[in-house]
PDB file of N, CA and C in Angstrom:
ATOM      1  N   UNK A   1       0.848  -1.074  -0.115  1.00  0.00           N
ATOM      2  CA  UNK A   1      -0.021   0.095  -0.132  1.00  0.00           C
ATOM      3  C   UNK A   1       1.118   1.622  -0.040  1.00  0.00           C
ATOM      4  N   UNK A   2       0.163   2.178  -0.963  1.00  0.00           N
ATOM      5  CA  UNK A   2       1.582   3.118  -1.382  1.00  0.00           C
ATOM      6  C   UNK A   2       0.721   4.725  -0.635  1.00  0.00           C
ATOM      7  N   UNK A   3       1.445   5.413   0.126  1.00  0.00           N
ATOM      8  CA  UNK A   3       0.455   6.990   0.803  1.00  0.00           C
ATOM      9  C   UNK A   3       0.743   7.722  -0.081  1.00  0.00           C
ATOM     10  N   UNK A   4      -0.469   8.376  -0.871  1.00  0.00           N
ATOM     11  CA  UNK A   4      -0.156   9.254  -2.103  1.00  0.00           C
ATOM     12  C   UNK A   4      -0.419  10.714  -1.557  1.00  0.00           C
ATOM     13  N   UNK A   5      -0.902  10.771  -0.571  1.00  0.00           N
ATOM     14  CA  UNK A   5      -1.088  12.626   0.252  1.00  0.00           C
ATOM     15  C   UNK A   5      -2.163  12.037   1.118  1.00  0.00           C
ATOM     16  N   UNK A   6      -2.194  13.650   1.627  1.00  0.00           N
ATOM     17  CA  UNK A   6      -3.095  13.964   2.913  1.00  0.00           C
ATOM     18  C   UNK A   6      -3.705  15.260   2.073  1.00  0.00           C
ATOM     19  N   UNK A   7      -5.051  15.170   2.321  1.00  0.00           N
ATOM     20  CA  UNK A   7      -5.717  16.107   1.630  1.00  0.00           C
ATOM     21  C   UNK A   7      -6.919  16.590   2.854  1.00  0.00           C
ATOM     22  N   UNK A   8      -7.450  18.281   2.472  1.00  0.00           N
ATOM     23  CA  UNK A   8      -8.275  18.504   3.987  1.00  0.00           C
ATOM     24  C   UNK A   8      -9.831  18.421   2.934  1.00  0.00           C
ATOM     25  N   UNK A   9     -11.056  18.149   3.765  1.00  0.00           N
ATOM     26  CA  UNK A   9     -12.347  18.160   3.038  1.00  0.00           C
ATOM     27  C   UNK A   9     -12.553  19.724   2.990  1.00  0.00           C
ATOM     28  N   UNK A  10     -12.577  20.551   3.764  1.00  0.00           N
ATOM     29  CA  UNK A  10     -12.675  21.839   3.485  1.00  0.00           C
ATOM     30  C   UNK A  10     -11.406  22.800   4.136  1.00  0.00           C
ATOM     31  N   UNK A  11     -10.685  22.276   3.953  1.00  0.00           N
ATOM     32  CA  UNK A  11      -9.886  23.386   3.778  1.00  0.00           C
ATOM     33  C   UNK A  11      -9.897  25.108   3.609  1.00  0.00           C
ATOM     34  N   UNK A  12      -9.334  25.452   5.281  1.00  0.00           N
ATOM     35  CA  UNK A  12      -9.984  26.887   5.598  1.00  0.00           C
ATOM     36  C   UNK A  12     -11.128  27.341   6.160  1.00  0.00           C
ATOM     37  N   UNK A  13     -11.581  26.172   6.165  1.00  0.00           N
ATOM     38  CA  UNK A  13     -13.378  26.088   7.038  1.00  0.00           C
ATOM     39  C   UNK A  13     -13.327  25.141   8.416  1.00  0.00           C
ATOM     40  N   UNK A  14     -12.372  23.957   7.798  1.00  0.00           N
ATOM     41  CA  UNK A  14     -12.507  22.764   8.652  1.00  0.00           C
ATOM     42  C   UNK A  14     -11.170  21.775   9.035  1.00  0.00           C
ATOM     43  N   UNK A  15     -10.415  21.527   9.663  1.00  0.00           N
ATOM     44  CA  UNK A  15      -9.423  20.806   9.821  1.00  0.00           C
ATOM     45  C   UNK A  15      -9.369  19.647   9.891  1.00  0.00           C
ATOM     46  N   UNK A  16     -10.820  18.999   9.516  1.00  0.00           N
ATOM     47  CA  UNK A  16     -10.616  17.946   8.994  1.00  0.00           C
ATOM     48  C   UNK A  16     -10.057  16.929   7.543  1.00  0.00           C
ATOM     49  N   UNK A  17      -9.327  15.936   7.374  1.00  0.00           N
ATOM     50  CA  UNK A  17      -8.226  15.945   7.089  1.00  0.00           C
ATOM     51  C   UNK A  17      -8.462  14.145   6.530  1.00  0.00           C
ATOM     52  N   UNK A  18      -7.772  13.711   5.147  1.00  0.00           N
ATOM     53  CA  UNK A  18      -7.777  12.389   5.283  1.00  0.00           C
ATOM     54  C   UNK A  18      -6.617  12.185   4.175  1.00  0.00           C
ATOM     55  N   UNK A  19      -6.335  10.743   4.096  1.00  0.00           N
ATOM     56  CA  UNK A  19      -5.274  10.378   3.520  1.00  0.00           C
ATOM     57  C   UNK A  19      -5.269   9.660   2.533  1.00  0.00           C
ATOM     58  N   UNK A  20      -5.084   9.488   1.563  1.00  0.00           N
ATOM     59  CA  UNK A  20      -5.034   8.571   0.518  1.00  0.00           C
ATOM     60  C   UNK A  20      -4.240   7.924   0.003  1.00  0.00           C
ATOM     61  N   UNK A  21      -4.569   6.568  -0.419  1.00  0.00           N
ATOM     62  CA  UNK A  21      -3.742   5.456  -0.570  1.00  0.00           C
ATOM     63  C   UNK A  21      -4.216   4.818  -1.548  1.00  0.00           C
ATOM     64  N   UNK A  22      -2.973   4.168  -2.357  1.00  0.00           N
ATOM     65  CA  UNK A  22      -3.369   3.079  -3.251  1.00  0.00           C
ATOM     66  C   UNK A  22      -2.798   1.920  -2.950  1.00  0.00           C
ATOM     67  N   UNK A  23      -3.815   0.647  -3.414  1.00  0.00           N
ATOM     68  CA  UNK A  23      -3.276  -0.502  -2.377  1.00  0.00           C
ATOM     69  C   UNK A  23      -3.513  -1.210  -4.142  1.00  0.00           C
ATOM     70  N   UNK A  24      -2.710  -2.518  -4.082  1.00  0.00           N
ATOM     71  CA  UNK A  24      -2.431  -3.529  -5.114  1.00  0.00           C
ATOM     72  C   UNK A  24      -2.564  -4.683  -4.745  1.00  0.00           C
ATOM     73  N   UNK A  25      -3.072  -5.531  -5.386  1.00  0.00           N
ATOM     74  CA  UNK A  25      -2.721  -6.939  -5.037  1.00  0.00           C
ATOM     75  C   UNK A  25      -4.320  -7.309  -4.129  1.00  0.00           C
ATOM     76  N   UNK A  26      -5.244  -6.752  -4.262  1.00  0.00           N
ATOM     77  CA  UNK A  26      -6.766  -6.735  -3.419  1.00  0.00           C
ATOM     78  C   UNK A  26      -7.400  -8.199  -4.166  1.00  0.00           C
ATOM     79  N   UNK A  27      -8.098  -8.936  -3.312  1.00  0.00           N
ATOM     80  CA  UNK A  27      -9.197  -9.390  -4.213  1.00  0.00           C
ATOM     81  C   UNK A  27     -10.349  -9.097  -3.300  1.00  0.00           C
ATOM     82  N   UNK A  28     -11.688  -8.914  -4.386  1.00  0.00           N
ATOM     83  CA  UNK A  28     -12.746  -8.289  -3.931  1.00  0.00           C
ATOM     84  C   UNK A  28     -13.456  -9.353  -2.960  1.00  0.00           C
ATOM     85  N   UNK A  29     -14.040  -9.161  -1.926  1.00  0.00           N
ATOM     86  CA  UNK A  29     -14.793 -10.051  -1.215  1.00  0.00           C
ATOM     87  C   UNK A  29     -16.407  -9.517  -1.091  1.00  0.00           C
ATOM     88  N   UNK A  30     -17.141 -10.357  -0.245  1.00  0.00           N
ATOM     89  CA  UNK A  30     -18.325  -9.767  -0.180  1.00  0.00           C
ATOM     90  C   UNK A  30     -18.262  -8.611   1.028  1.00  0.00           C
ATOM     91  N   UNK A  31     -19.520  -7.967   0.735  1.00  0.00           N
ATOM     92  CA  UNK A  31     -19.591  -6.768   1.796  1.00  0.00           C
ATOM     93  C   UNK A  31     -20.070  -7.218   2.779  1.00  0.00           C
ATOM     94  N   UNK A  32     -19.628  -6.283   3.978  1.00  0.00           N
ATOM     95  CA  UNK A  32     -19.951  -6.853   5.476  1.00  0.00           C
ATOM     96  C   UNK A  32     -20.559  -5.374   5.548  1.00  0.00           C
ATOM     97  N   UNK A  33     -21.536  -4.861   5.300  1.00  0.00           N
ATOM     98  CA  UNK A  33     -22.146  -3.218   5.696  1.00  0.00           C
ATOM     99  C   UNK A  33     -23.021  -3.097   6.685  1.00  0.00           C
ATOM    100  N   UNK A  34     -22.483  -2.255   7.541  1.00  0.00           N
ATOM    101  CA  UNK A  34     -23.423  -1.899   8.982  1.00  0.00           C
ATOM    102  C   UNK A  34     -24.801  -1.320   8.442  1.00  0.00           C
ATOM    103  N   UNK A  35     -25.918  -1.384   9.138  1.00  0.00           N
ATOM    104  CA  UNK A  35     -27.313  -1.073   8.875  1.00  0.00           C
ATOM    105  C   UNK A  35     -27.689  -0.091   7.939  1.00  0.00           C
ATOM    106  N   UNK A  36     -27.149   1.112   8.723  1.00  0.00           N
ATOM    107  CA  UNK A  36     -27.142   2.323   7.758  1.00  0.00           C
ATOM    108  C   UNK A  36     -26.465   2.625   6.360  1.00  0.00           C
ATOM    109  N   UNK A  37     -25.453   1.442   6.449  1.00  0.00           N
ATOM    110  CA  UNK A  37     -24.768   1.671   4.863  1.00  0.00           C
ATOM    111  C   UNK A  37     -25.786   0.570   3.653  1.00  0.00           C
ATOM    112  N   UNK A  38     -26.587   0.173   4.114  1.00  0.00           N
ATOM    113  CA  UNK A  38     -27.592  -1.018   3.221  1.00  0.00           C
ATOM    114  C   UNK A  38     -27.618  -0.861   1.970  1.00  0.00           C
ATOM    115  N   UNK A  39     -28.296   0.556   1.761  1.00  0.00           N
ATOM    116  CA  UNK A  39     -28.635   1.092   0.201  1.00  0.00           C
ATOM    117  C   UNK A  39     -27.192   1.823  -0.233  1.00  0.00           C
ATOM    118  N   UNK A  40     -25.860   1.523   0.338  1.00  0.00           N
ATOM    119  CA  UNK A  40     -24.368   1.695  -1.017  1.00  0.00           C
ATOM    120  C   UNK A  40     -24.766   0.993  -1.966  1.00  0.00           C
ATOM    121  N   UNK A  41     -24.349   2.110  -3.021  1.00  0.00           N
ATOM    122  CA  UNK A  41     -23.972   0.973  -4.140  1.00  0.00           C
ATOM    123  C   UNK A  41     -22.577   0.944  -4.303  1.00  0.00           C
ATOM    124  N   UNK A  42     -21.916   0.130  -4.902  1.00  0.00           N
ATOM    125  CA  UNK A  42     -20.327  -0.100  -5.488  1.00  0.00           C
ATOM    126  C   UNK A  42     -20.307  -0.625  -6.875  1.00  0.00           C
ATOM    127  N   UNK A  43     -19.257  -0.283  -7.358  1.00  0.00           N
ATOM    128  CA  UNK A  43     -19.227  -0.380  -9.136  1.00  0.00           C
ATOM    129  C   UNK A  43     -18.045  -0.576  -9.162  1.00  0.00           C
ATOM    130  N   UNK A  44     -17.459  -1.986 -10.146  1.00  0.00           N
ATOM    131  CA  UNK A  44     -16.502  -1.503 -10.724  1.00  0.00           C
ATOM    132  C   UNK A  44     -15.759  -1.029 -12.130  1.00  0.00           C
ATOM    133  N   UNK A  45     -14.901  -0.184 -12.031  1.00  0.00           N
ATOM    134  CA  UNK A  45     -15.121   0.918 -12.840  1.00  0.00           C
ATOM    135  C   UNK A  45     -13.750   0.496 -13.851  1.00  0.00           C
ATOM    136  N   UNK A  46     -13.975   0.926 -15.182  1.00  0.00           N
ATOM    137  CA  UNK A  46     -12.805   0.711 -15.739  1.00  0.00           C
ATOM    138  C   UNK A  46     -11.630   2.218 -15.552  1.00  0.00           C
ATOM    139  N   UNK A  47     -10.796   2.658 -15.688  1.00  0.00           N
ATOM    140  CA  UNK A  47     -10.173   3.909 -16.065  1.00  0.00           C
ATOM    141  C   UNK A  47     -10.861   4.943 -16.754  1.00  0.00           C
ATOM    142  N   UNK A  48     -11.040   4.397 -18.240  1.00  0.00           N
ATOM    143  CA  UNK A  48     -12.007   5.319 -19.214  1.00  0.00           C
ATOM    144  C   UNK A  48     -13.704   5.490 -18.451  1.00  0.00           C
ATOM    145  N   UNK A  49     -13.750   4.759 -17.885  1.00  0.00           N
ATOM    146  CA  UNK A  49     -15.210   4.894 -17.033  1.00  0.00           C
ATOM    147  C   UNK A  49     -15.059   5.776 -16.092  1.00  0.00           C
ATOM    148  N   UNK A  50     -14.377   5.643 -15.273  1.00  0.00           N
ATOM    149  CA  UNK A  50     -14.295   6.611 -13.997  1.00  0.00           C
ATOM    150  C   UNK A  50     -14.016   8.292 -14.770  1.00  0.00           C
ATOM    151  N   UNK A  51     -12.997   8.571 -15.558  1.00  0.00           N
ATOM    152  CA  UNK A  51     -12.481   9.705 -15.825  1.00  0.00           C
ATOM    153  C   UNK A  51     -13.847  10.239 -16.976  1.00  0.00           C
ATOM    154  N   UNK A  52     -14.759   9.461 -17.356  1.00  0.00           N
ATOM    155  CA  UNK A  52     -15.975   9.813 -17.998  1.00  0.00           C
ATOM    156  C   UNK A  52     -16.842  10.486 -17.099  1.00  0.00           C
ATOM    157  N   UNK A  53     -17.094   9.608 -15.990  1.00  0.00           N
ATOM    158  CA  UNK A  53     -17.953  10.098 -15.096  1.00  0.00           C
ATOM    159  C   UNK A  53     -17.746  11.269 -14.115  1.00  0.00           C
ATOM    160  N   UNK A  54     -16.294  11.247 -14.105  1.00  0.00           N
ATOM    161  CA  UNK A  54     -15.345  12.442 -13.177  1.00  0.00           C
ATOM    162  C   UNK A  54     -16.099  13.995 -14.650  1.00  0.00           C
ATOM    163  N   UNK A  55     -15.417  13.641 -15.560  1.00  0.00           N
ATOM    164  CA  UNK A  55     -15.944  14.634 -16.795  1.00  0.00           C
ATOM    165  C   UNK A  55     -17.310  15.087 -16.609  1.00  0.00           C
ATOM    166  N   UNK A  56     -18.205  13.894 -16.663  1.00  0.00           N
ATOM    167  CA  UNK A  56     -19.470  14.476 -17.107  1.00  0.00           C
ATOM    168  C   UNK A  56     -20.494  15.227 -16.051  1.00  0.00           C
ATOM    169  N   UNK A  57     -19.587  15.052 -14.724  1.00  0.00           N
ATOM    170  CA  UNK A  57     -19.884  15.482 -13.322  1.00  0.00           C
ATOM    171  C   UNK A  57     -21.046  14.336 -12.511  1.00  0.00           C
ATOM    172  N   UNK A  58     -20.893  13.225 -13.114  1.00  0.00           N
ATOM    173  CA  UNK A  58     -21.512  11.999 -12.657  1.00  0.00           C
ATOM    174  C   UNK A  58     -21.178  11.949 -10.996  1.00  0.00           C
ATOM    175  N   UNK A  59     -19.595  11.674 -10.902  1.00  0.00           N
ATOM    176  CA  UNK A  59     -19.002  12.067  -9.745  1.00  0.00           C
ATOM    177  C   UNK A  59     -18.857  13.143  -9.001  1.00  0.00           C
ATOM    178  N   UNK A  60     -18.873  13.805  -8.466  1.00  0.00           N
ATOM    179  CA  UNK A  60     -19.249  14.765  -8.031  1.00  0.00           C
ATOM    180  C   UNK A  60     -18.209  15.472  -7.112  1.00  0.00           C
ATOM    181  N   UNK A  61     -18.303  14.818  -5.918  1.00  0.00           N
ATOM    182  CA  UNK A  61     -17.802  14.853  -4.407  1.00  0.00           C
ATOM    183  C   UNK A  61     -16.374  14.890  -4.542  1.00  0.00           C
ATOM    184  N   UNK A  62     -15.564  16.395  -3.973  1.00  0.00           N
ATOM    185  CA  UNK A  62     -14.590  16.748  -4.034  1.00  0.00           C
ATOM    186  C   UNK A  62     -13.265  15.871  -3.489  1.00  0.00           C
ATOM    187  N   UNK A  63     -13.616  14.955  -2.743  1.00  0.00           N
ATOM    188  CA  UNK A  63     -12.386  14.172  -2.182  1.00  0.00           C
ATOM    189  C   UNK A  63     -12.162  12.928  -3.218  1.00  0.00           C
ATOM    190  N   UNK A  64     -13.249  12.491  -3.608  1.00  0.00           N
ATOM    191  CA  UNK A  64     -13.186  11.324  -4.793  1.00  0.00           C
ATOM    192  C   UNK A  64     -12.098  12.190  -6.285  1.00  0.00           C
ATOM    193  N   UNK A  65     -12.629  13.296  -6.580  1.00  0.00           N
ATOM    194  CA  UNK A  65     -11.921  14.196  -8.163  1.00  0.00           C
ATOM    195  C   UNK A  65     -10.475  14.328  -7.357  1.00  0.00           C
ATOM    196  N   UNK A  66     -10.147  14.729  -5.748  1.00  0.00           N
ATOM    197  CA  UNK A  66      -8.899  14.976  -5.390  1.00  0.00           C
ATOM    198  C   UNK A  66      -7.827  13.998  -5.545  1.00  0.00           C
ATOM    199  N   UNK A  67      -8.875  12.806  -5.019  1.00  0.00           N
ATOM    200  CA  UNK A  67      -8.232  11.491  -4.634  1.00  0.00           C
ATOM    201  C   UNK A  67      -7.590  10.868  -6.493  1.00  0.00           C
ATOM    202  N   UNK A  68      -8.471  11.259  -7.094  1.00  0.00           N
ATOM    203  CA  UNK A  68      -8.002  10.692  -8.436  1.00  0.00           C
ATOM    204  C   UNK A  68      -6.942  11.450  -8.759  1.00  0.00           C
ATOM    205  N   UNK A  69      -7.082  12.833  -8.788  1.00  0.00           N
ATOM    206  CA  UNK A  69      -5.620  13.644  -9.559  1.00  0.00           C
ATOM    207  C   UNK A  69      -4.056  12.846  -8.434  1.00  0.00           C
ATOM    208  N   UNK A  70      -4.557  13.195  -7.050  1.00  0.00           N
ATOM    209  CA  UNK A  70      -3.324  12.434  -6.602  1.00  0.00           C
ATOM    210  C   UNK A  70      -2.477  11.021  -7.068  1.00  0.00           C
ATOM    211  N   UNK A  71      -3.549  10.188  -7.746  1.00  0.00           N
ATOM    212  CA  UNK A  71      -3.215   9.079  -8.412  1.00  0.00           C
ATOM    213  C   UNK A  71      -2.624   9.597  -9.586  1.00  0.00           C
ATOM    214  N   UNK A  72      -3.403   9.974 -10.142  1.00  0.00           N
ATOM    215  CA  UNK A  72      -2.695  10.385 -11.635  1.00  0.00           C
ATOM    216  C   UNK A  72      -1.284  11.051 -11.893  1.00  0.00           C
ATOM    217  N   UNK A  73      -1.176  12.014 -10.718  1.00  0.00           N
ATOM    218  CA  UNK A  73       0.137  12.358 -10.740  1.00  0.00           C
ATOM    219  C   UNK A  73       0.939  11.148 -10.101  1.00  0.00           C
ATOM    220  N   UNK A  74       0.953  10.115  -9.649  1.00  0.00           N
ATOM    221  CA  UNK A  74       1.907   9.422  -8.830  1.00  0.00           C
ATOM    222  C   UNK A  74       1.898   8.197 -10.188  1.00  0.00           C
ATOM    223  N   UNK A  75       1.307   8.531 -11.200  1.00  0.00           N
ATOM    224  CA  UNK A  75       1.214   7.249 -11.884  1.00  0.00           C
ATOM    225  C   UNK A  75       2.346   7.537 -13.066  1.00  0.00           C
TER     226      UNK A  75
END
């Protein structure tokens, strides 16, 4: 697992931050979601599909966009 960086969710408004990691060699398993996460959806996307969704604004959250930017810079 490689650490790509530390980002802030709302820099200047909050000190809450998060670390971005990339992990390789993982295998998918059955989800074990908590009761409040039962409506959560997950999907496996190719790089092209992910970037298409980012460009289209389908994926909008800043944390995902910033984390993907860190990953692309590290690649």
